[in-house]
Each structure stands twice: as structure tokens, then as C-alpha cells.
Amino acid sequence: MVAGAAAGAGLYIGIATGRVSVDLGVGRRRRPLGPLEVRFEAPPEVVFDVIAAPYLHPTPRAMAQKLRVLERGTDLVLAEHYTPVRWGLRTTTVETVRFNRPHRIDFRLTRGPVPSVVESFELTADDGGATLRYSGELQTDLWRLGELWGRIVANRWVAAVEASLSSIKSEAEHRARSGSL
């Protein structure tokens, strides 16, 4: 009984932290992420640059606890993202990030707590600013069990995206106001 509980706890920790990826391809469930929309008092090019800079240029030390670029190209990177979860644990996801300047950024999970996540940021210009639309899809396996896990992961995933968008909004609007485009 104790061994079973320890094994279950170990499996949970492995999956929750992204160290163990379960991609069985059976009982696949899909759930949307978003959509979210954020209005910026900054042009799309500035918002795009704020998002892309830590990926396409040396990552600032202040972001080292959240991001590590493993491979960097001109319009595509492979990056680890770190997100705190419960009980002092941290999820590590590995994602490709593709940049289509200045209107689209696409993310695709390659390793993490679920078999698949695809996401996009789409930027459109409007009345002197920009609107960013976030949308995506998260997939899990194992029918109802995976669906329940997907709900937990999706809630935390979207919360992490919302926190990132809040930081991006502050920085992009600061740059636009100060003229440091």
C-alpha cells in the first residue's frame, strides 16, 4: 500500500513537473485555451519586440527563473519555460516558438505535463495601439482521467499566460510612452 502511494506520488510529481511526458495517443481529449484579448497602448511592432526579445536576443538575467533558450534561430527557437506549481514544485516545458514579424507568434509544446499544446499570439493594429489575441489547444490522453488532468493544467497554463501578458503590456506601453521603440 505504501509502495503504491509512493509510486503514485512519484508519477504525479514527474508528470506535474514535466519530467515525465505521457503521450499514449489513446482516449485523446482536446480543450481550448483562451481566447484572451489584451488591448495595448503601443503599436504591434513594439508589442512584438517585447515578446520576442528574450527569445531572439540574449535572455535577460531577470528572466532566467522563467526562460532558457536551448537553440536560437532567426525566426524559431527551442526554449524551456519554468512555471511554479504547488508544493514548491516547478513545471518545465520545452516549446518551439516561431516568430512571424510583426503580427504572429506560435508556440508548440515538445515536452511537458500533457502530450500537446499549440498556442498563438496574433497582433492587430487599431487606433494607435494594438490588440493581442491569444488562443490555443491543449490535448490529453486517457479519456475522462486525462480530461480532468487537462482541466487542472489548462487553468494553470492560462493563468501563466495572463501573468506574462500583464508584464508584456506594462513593458510595451512603457516603451511606447518613453519613445524607446
C-alpha atoms as a PDB file:
ATOM      1  CA  MET A   1       0.000   0.000   0.000  1.00  0.00           C
ATOM      2  CA  VAL A   2       2.780   2.434   0.960  1.00  0.00           C
ATOM      3  CA  ALA A   3       4.767   1.471  -2.139  1.00  0.00           C
ATOM      4  CA  GLY A   4       1.706   2.120  -4.326  1.00  0.00           C
ATOM      5  CA  ALA A   5       1.161   5.543  -2.744  1.00  0.00           C
ATOM      6  CA  ALA A   6       4.837   6.404  -3.177  1.00  0.00           C
ATOM      7  CA  ALA A   7       4.729   5.308  -6.817  1.00  0.00           C
ATOM      8  CA  GLY A   8       1.573   7.376  -7.382  1.00  0.00           C
ATOM      9  CA  ALA A   9       3.158  10.421  -5.768  1.00  0.00           C
ATOM     10  CA  GLY A  10       6.308   9.948  -7.838  1.00  0.00           C
ATOM     11  CA  LEU A  11       4.264   9.678 -11.039  1.00  0.00           C
ATOM     12  CA  TYR A  12       2.295  12.822 -10.140  1.00  0.00           C
ATOM     13  CA  ILE A  13       5.499  14.769  -9.437  1.00  0.00           C
ATOM     14  CA  GLY A  14       7.080  13.514 -12.656  1.00  0.00           C
ATOM     15  CA  ILE A  15       4.091  14.497 -14.790  1.00  0.00           C
ATOM     16  CA  ALA A  16       3.346  17.776 -12.974  1.00  0.00           C
ATOM     17  CA  THR A  17       6.934  18.973 -13.313  1.00  0.00           C
ATOM     18  CA  GLY A  18       7.179  17.957 -16.969  1.00  0.00           C
ATOM     19  CA  ARG A  19       9.942  15.419 -16.299  1.00  0.00           C
ATOM     20  CA  VAL A  20       7.662  12.545 -17.355  1.00  0.00           C
ATOM     21  CA  SER A  21       5.678  13.008 -20.545  1.00  0.00           C
ATOM     22  CA  VAL A  22       2.704  10.736 -21.160  1.00  0.00           C
ATOM     23  CA  ASP A  23       1.743  10.577 -24.832  1.00  0.00           C
ATOM     24  CA  LEU A  24      -0.142   7.342 -25.375  1.00  0.00           C
ATOM     25  CA  GLY A  25      -2.431   8.510 -28.178  1.00  0.00           C
ATOM     26  CA  VAL A  26      -5.448   6.740 -26.672  1.00  0.00           C
ATOM     27  CA  GLY A  27      -8.555   8.444 -25.349  1.00  0.00           C
ATOM     28  CA  ARG A  28      -7.328  11.787 -26.697  1.00  0.00           C
ATOM     29  CA  ARG A  29      -9.230  14.830 -25.422  1.00  0.00           C
ATOM     30  CA  ARG A  30      -8.903  18.383 -26.696  1.00  0.00           C
ATOM     31  CA  ARG A  31      -9.734  21.572 -24.879  1.00  0.00           C
ATOM     32  CA  PRO A  32      -9.380  25.177 -25.968  1.00  0.00           C
ATOM     33  CA  LEU A  33      -7.050  27.619 -24.258  1.00  0.00           C
ATOM     34  CA  GLY A  34      -8.473  31.122 -24.326  1.00  0.00           C
ATOM     35  CA  PRO A  35      -9.266  33.058 -26.292  1.00  0.00           C
ATOM     36  CA  LEU A  36      -7.944  36.070 -24.423  1.00  0.00           C
ATOM     37  CA  GLU A  37      -7.667  39.582 -25.810  1.00  0.00           C
ATOM     38  CA  VAL A  38      -5.463  42.342 -24.450  1.00  0.00           C
ATOM     39  CA  ARG A  39      -5.515  45.912 -25.728  1.00  0.00           C
ATOM     40  CA  PHE A  40      -2.172  47.757 -25.749  1.00  0.00           C
ATOM     41  CA  GLU A  41      -1.472  51.478 -25.947  1.00  0.00           C
ATOM     42  CA  ALA A  42       1.524  50.601 -28.114  1.00  0.00           C
ATOM     43  CA  PRO A  43       1.975  49.702 -31.790  1.00  0.00           C
ATOM     44  CA  PRO A  44       2.027  46.000 -32.755  1.00  0.00           C
ATOM     45  CA  GLU A  45       5.746  46.210 -33.643  1.00  0.00           C
ATOM     46  CA  VAL A  46       6.620  47.330 -30.103  1.00  0.00           C
ATOM     47  CA  VAL A  47       4.474  44.606 -28.507  1.00  0.00           C
ATOM     48  CA  PHE A  48       6.029  42.021 -30.823  1.00  0.00           C
ATOM     49  CA  ASP A  49       9.548  43.181 -29.933  1.00  0.00           C
ATOM     50  CA  VAL A  50       8.830  42.982 -26.196  1.00  0.00           C
ATOM     51  CA  ILE A  51       7.611  39.395 -26.580  1.00  0.00           C
ATOM     52  CA  ALA A  52      10.381  38.300 -28.976  1.00  0.00           C
ATOM     53  CA  ALA A  53      13.399  39.958 -27.324  1.00  0.00           C
ATOM     54  CA  PRO A  54      14.115  37.377 -24.586  1.00  0.00           C
ATOM     55  CA  TYR A  55      13.926  34.596 -27.183  1.00  0.00           C
ATOM     56  CA  LEU A  56      15.761  36.119 -30.136  1.00  0.00           C
ATOM     57  CA  HIS A  57      18.411  38.033 -28.160  1.00  0.00           C
ATOM     58  CA  PRO A  58      20.334  37.052 -25.038  1.00  0.00           C
ATOM     59  CA  THR A  59      17.782  36.346 -22.311  1.00  0.00           C
ATOM     60  CA  PRO A  60      17.953  38.943 -19.510  1.00  0.00           C
ATOM     61  CA  ARG A  61      19.130  37.644 -16.145  1.00  0.00           C
ATOM     62  CA  ALA A  62      15.844  38.783 -14.632  1.00  0.00           C
ATOM     63  CA  MET A  63      14.061  36.178 -16.770  1.00  0.00           C
ATOM     64  CA  ALA A  64      16.439  33.286 -16.024  1.00  0.00           C
ATOM     65  CA  GLN A  65      13.979  31.862 -13.492  1.00  0.00           C
ATOM     66  CA  LYS A  66      11.288  31.691 -16.215  1.00  0.00           C
ATOM     67  CA  LEU A  67      13.042  31.020 -19.514  1.00  0.00           C
ATOM     68  CA  ARG A  68      16.098  29.343 -21.021  1.00  0.00           C
ATOM     69  CA  VAL A  69      16.639  29.303 -24.769  1.00  0.00           C
ATOM     70  CA  LEU A  70      18.141  25.968 -25.821  1.00  0.00           C
ATOM     71  CA  GLU A  71      18.513  26.710 -29.536  1.00  0.00           C
ATOM     72  CA  ARG A  72      18.146  30.098 -31.204  1.00  0.00           C
ATOM     73  CA  GLY A  73      17.479  30.806 -34.890  1.00  0.00           C
ATOM     74  CA  THR A  74      16.336  33.947 -36.682  1.00  0.00           C
ATOM     75  CA  ASP A  75      12.605  33.134 -36.550  1.00  0.00           C
ATOM     76  CA  LEU A  76      12.402  29.927 -34.476  1.00  0.00           C
ATOM     77  CA  VAL A  77      13.705  28.990 -31.034  1.00  0.00           C
ATOM     78  CA  LEU A  78      13.555  25.957 -28.781  1.00  0.00           C
ATOM     79  CA  ALA A  79      13.060  27.118 -25.218  1.00  0.00           C
ATOM     80  CA  GLU A  80      12.465  25.805 -21.720  1.00  0.00           C
ATOM     81  CA  HIS A  81       9.802  27.635 -19.729  1.00  0.00           C
ATOM     82  CA  TYR A  82       9.633  27.311 -15.946  1.00  0.00           C
ATOM     83  CA  THR A  83       6.342  27.763 -14.090  1.00  0.00           C
ATOM     84  CA  PRO A  84       5.836  27.389 -10.326  1.00  0.00           C
ATOM     85  CA  VAL A  85       3.120  24.923  -9.306  1.00  0.00           C
ATOM     86  CA  ARG A  86       2.005  23.597  -5.933  1.00  0.00           C
ATOM     87  CA  TRP A  87       4.137  22.427  -3.034  1.00  0.00           C
ATOM     88  CA  GLY A  88       7.254  24.233  -4.208  1.00  0.00           C
ATOM     89  CA  LEU A  89       7.369  22.302  -7.481  1.00  0.00           C
ATOM     90  CA  ARG A  90       8.194  23.865 -10.820  1.00  0.00           C
ATOM     91  CA  THR A  91       6.920  22.665 -14.191  1.00  0.00           C
ATOM     92  CA  THR A  92       9.437  22.652 -17.018  1.00  0.00           C
ATOM     93  CA  THR A  93       8.021  22.754 -20.516  1.00  0.00           C
ATOM     94  CA  VAL A  94      10.012  22.685 -23.725  1.00  0.00           C
ATOM     95  CA  GLU A  95       8.438  24.555 -26.613  1.00  0.00           C
ATOM     96  CA  THR A  96       9.235  25.737 -30.084  1.00  0.00           C
ATOM     97  CA  VAL A  97       8.452  29.406 -30.590  1.00  0.00           C
ATOM     98  CA  ARG A  98       8.069  30.680 -34.169  1.00  0.00           C
ATOM     99  CA  PHE A  99       8.085  34.404 -34.968  1.00  0.00           C
ATOM    100  CA  ASN A 100       6.233  35.949 -37.927  1.00  0.00           C
ATOM    101  CA  ARG A 101       7.098  39.620 -37.549  1.00  0.00           C
ATOM    102  CA  PRO A 102       5.162  41.724 -36.634  1.00  0.00           C
ATOM    103  CA  HIS A 103       1.795  40.022 -36.287  1.00  0.00           C
ATOM    104  CA  ARG A 104       2.085  36.429 -35.058  1.00  0.00           C
ATOM    105  CA  ILE A 105       3.968  34.227 -32.612  1.00  0.00           C
ATOM    106  CA  ASP A 106       3.265  30.486 -32.445  1.00  0.00           C
ATOM    107  CA  PHE A 107       4.139  28.114 -29.618  1.00  0.00           C
ATOM    108  CA  ARG A 108       4.213  24.297 -29.807  1.00  0.00           C
ATOM    109  CA  LEU A 109       4.885  22.072 -26.803  1.00  0.00           C
ATOM    110  CA  THR A 110       7.557  19.410 -27.335  1.00  0.00           C
ATOM    111  CA  ARG A 111       7.790  18.216 -23.706  1.00  0.00           C
ATOM    112  CA  GLY A 112       5.585  18.906 -20.721  1.00  0.00           C
ATOM    113  CA  PRO A 113       2.769  17.752 -18.452  1.00  0.00           C
ATOM    114  CA  VAL A 114       0.417  16.965 -21.366  1.00  0.00           C
ATOM    115  CA  PRO A 115       1.008  15.407 -24.811  1.00  0.00           C
ATOM    116  CA  SER A 116       0.247  18.508 -26.865  1.00  0.00           C
ATOM    117  CA  VAL A 117      -0.268  22.241 -26.617  1.00  0.00           C
ATOM    118  CA  VAL A 118      -0.350  24.652 -29.549  1.00  0.00           C
ATOM    119  CA  GLU A 119      -0.856  28.373 -28.993  1.00  0.00           C
ATOM    120  CA  SER A 120      -0.642  31.652 -30.852  1.00  0.00           C
ATOM    121  CA  PHE A 121      -0.405  35.351 -30.185  1.00  0.00           C
ATOM    122  CA  GLU A 122      -1.924  37.376 -33.019  1.00  0.00           C
ATOM    123  CA  LEU A 123      -1.367  41.132 -33.071  1.00  0.00           C
ATOM    124  CA  THR A 124      -3.550  43.613 -34.960  1.00  0.00           C
ATOM    125  CA  ALA A 125      -3.178  47.374 -35.190  1.00  0.00           C
ATOM    126  CA  ASP A 126      -6.042  49.577 -34.032  1.00  0.00           C
ATOM    127  CA  ASP A 127      -6.472  53.282 -33.253  1.00  0.00           C
ATOM    128  CA  GLY A 128      -2.836  53.977 -32.367  1.00  0.00           C
ATOM    129  CA  GLY A 129      -2.356  50.770 -30.451  1.00  0.00           C
ATOM    130  CA  ALA A 130      -2.644  47.039 -30.805  1.00  0.00           C
ATOM    131  CA  THR A 131      -4.809  44.142 -29.741  1.00  0.00           C
ATOM    132  CA  LEU A 132      -3.216  40.810 -28.914  1.00  0.00           C
ATOM    133  CA  ARG A 133      -5.419  37.734 -29.259  1.00  0.00           C
ATOM    134  CA  TYR A 134      -4.239  34.596 -27.505  1.00  0.00           C
ATOM    135  CA  SER A 135      -5.713  31.209 -28.383  1.00  0.00           C
ATOM    136  CA  GLY A 136      -4.630  27.614 -28.255  1.00  0.00           C
ATOM    137  CA  GLU A 137      -5.483  23.991 -27.718  1.00  0.00           C
ATOM    138  CA  LEU A 138      -4.346  21.543 -25.051  1.00  0.00           C
ATOM    139  CA  GLN A 139      -4.591  17.768 -25.520  1.00  0.00           C
ATOM    140  CA  THR A 140      -4.548  14.934 -23.011  1.00  0.00           C
ATOM    141  CA  ASP A 141      -4.841  11.147 -23.191  1.00  0.00           C
ATOM    142  CA  LEU A 142      -6.774   8.554 -21.178  1.00  0.00           C
ATOM    143  CA  TRP A 143     -10.381   9.663 -21.654  1.00  0.00           C
ATOM    144  CA  ARG A 144     -12.034  11.109 -18.518  1.00  0.00           C
ATOM    145  CA  LEU A 145      -8.892  10.886 -16.384  1.00  0.00           C
ATOM    146  CA  GLY A 146      -6.988  12.900 -18.977  1.00  0.00           C
ATOM    147  CA  GLU A 147      -9.855  15.348 -19.247  1.00  0.00           C
ATOM    148  CA  LEU A 148      -9.675  16.012 -15.511  1.00  0.00           C
ATOM    149  CA  TRP A 149      -5.887  16.425 -15.674  1.00  0.00           C
ATOM    150  CA  GLY A 150      -6.302  18.708 -18.682  1.00  0.00           C
ATOM    151  CA  ARG A 151      -8.636  20.968 -16.721  1.00  0.00           C
ATOM    152  CA  ILE A 152      -6.040  21.361 -13.947  1.00  0.00           C
ATOM    153  CA  VAL A 153      -3.204  22.000 -16.390  1.00  0.00           C
ATOM    154  CA  ALA A 154      -5.278  24.370 -18.577  1.00  0.00           C
ATOM    155  CA  ASN A 155      -6.273  26.545 -15.610  1.00  0.00           C
ATOM    156  CA  ARG A 156      -2.646  26.965 -14.538  1.00  0.00           C
ATOM    157  CA  TRP A 157      -1.453  27.346 -18.125  1.00  0.00           C
ATOM    158  CA  VAL A 158      -3.873  30.189 -18.871  1.00  0.00           C
ATOM    159  CA  ALA A 159      -3.039  31.859 -15.527  1.00  0.00           C
ATOM    160  CA  ALA A 160       0.659  31.806 -16.509  1.00  0.00           C
ATOM    161  CA  VAL A 161      -0.181  33.299 -19.926  1.00  0.00           C
ATOM    162  CA  GLU A 162      -2.282  36.026 -18.279  1.00  0.00           C
ATOM    163  CA  ALA A 163       0.596  36.911 -15.945  1.00  0.00           C
ATOM    164  CA  SER A 164       3.008  37.073 -18.902  1.00  0.00           C
ATOM    165  CA  LEU A 165       0.627  39.253 -20.895  1.00  0.00           C
ATOM    166  CA  SER A 166       0.308  41.628 -17.956  1.00  0.00           C
ATOM    167  CA  SER A 167       4.111  42.048 -17.838  1.00  0.00           C
ATOM    168  CA  ILE A 168       4.278  42.431 -21.620  1.00  0.00           C
ATOM    169  CA  LYS A 169       1.573  45.097 -21.532  1.00  0.00           C
ATOM    170  CA  SER A 170       3.436  47.112 -18.881  1.00  0.00           C
ATOM    171  CA  GLU A 171       6.744  46.970 -20.741  1.00  0.00           C
ATOM    172  CA  ALA A 172       5.296  47.636 -24.222  1.00  0.00           C
ATOM    173  CA  GLU A 173       3.276  50.625 -23.028  1.00  0.00           C
ATOM    174  CA  HIS A 174       6.281  51.972 -21.103  1.00  0.00           C
ATOM    175  CA  ARG A 175       8.425  51.751 -24.258  1.00  0.00           C
ATOM    176  CA  ALA A 176       5.720  53.410 -26.371  1.00  0.00           C
ATOM    177  CA  ARG A 177       5.299  56.293 -23.861  1.00  0.00           C
ATOM    178  CA  SER A 178       9.014  56.868 -23.448  1.00  0.00           C
ATOM    179  CA  GLY A 179       9.712  56.661 -27.162  1.00  0.00           C
ATOM    180  CA  SER A 180      12.273  53.844 -26.704  1.00  0.00           C
ATOM    181  CA  LEU A 181      10.958  51.921 -29.674  1.00  0.00           C
END
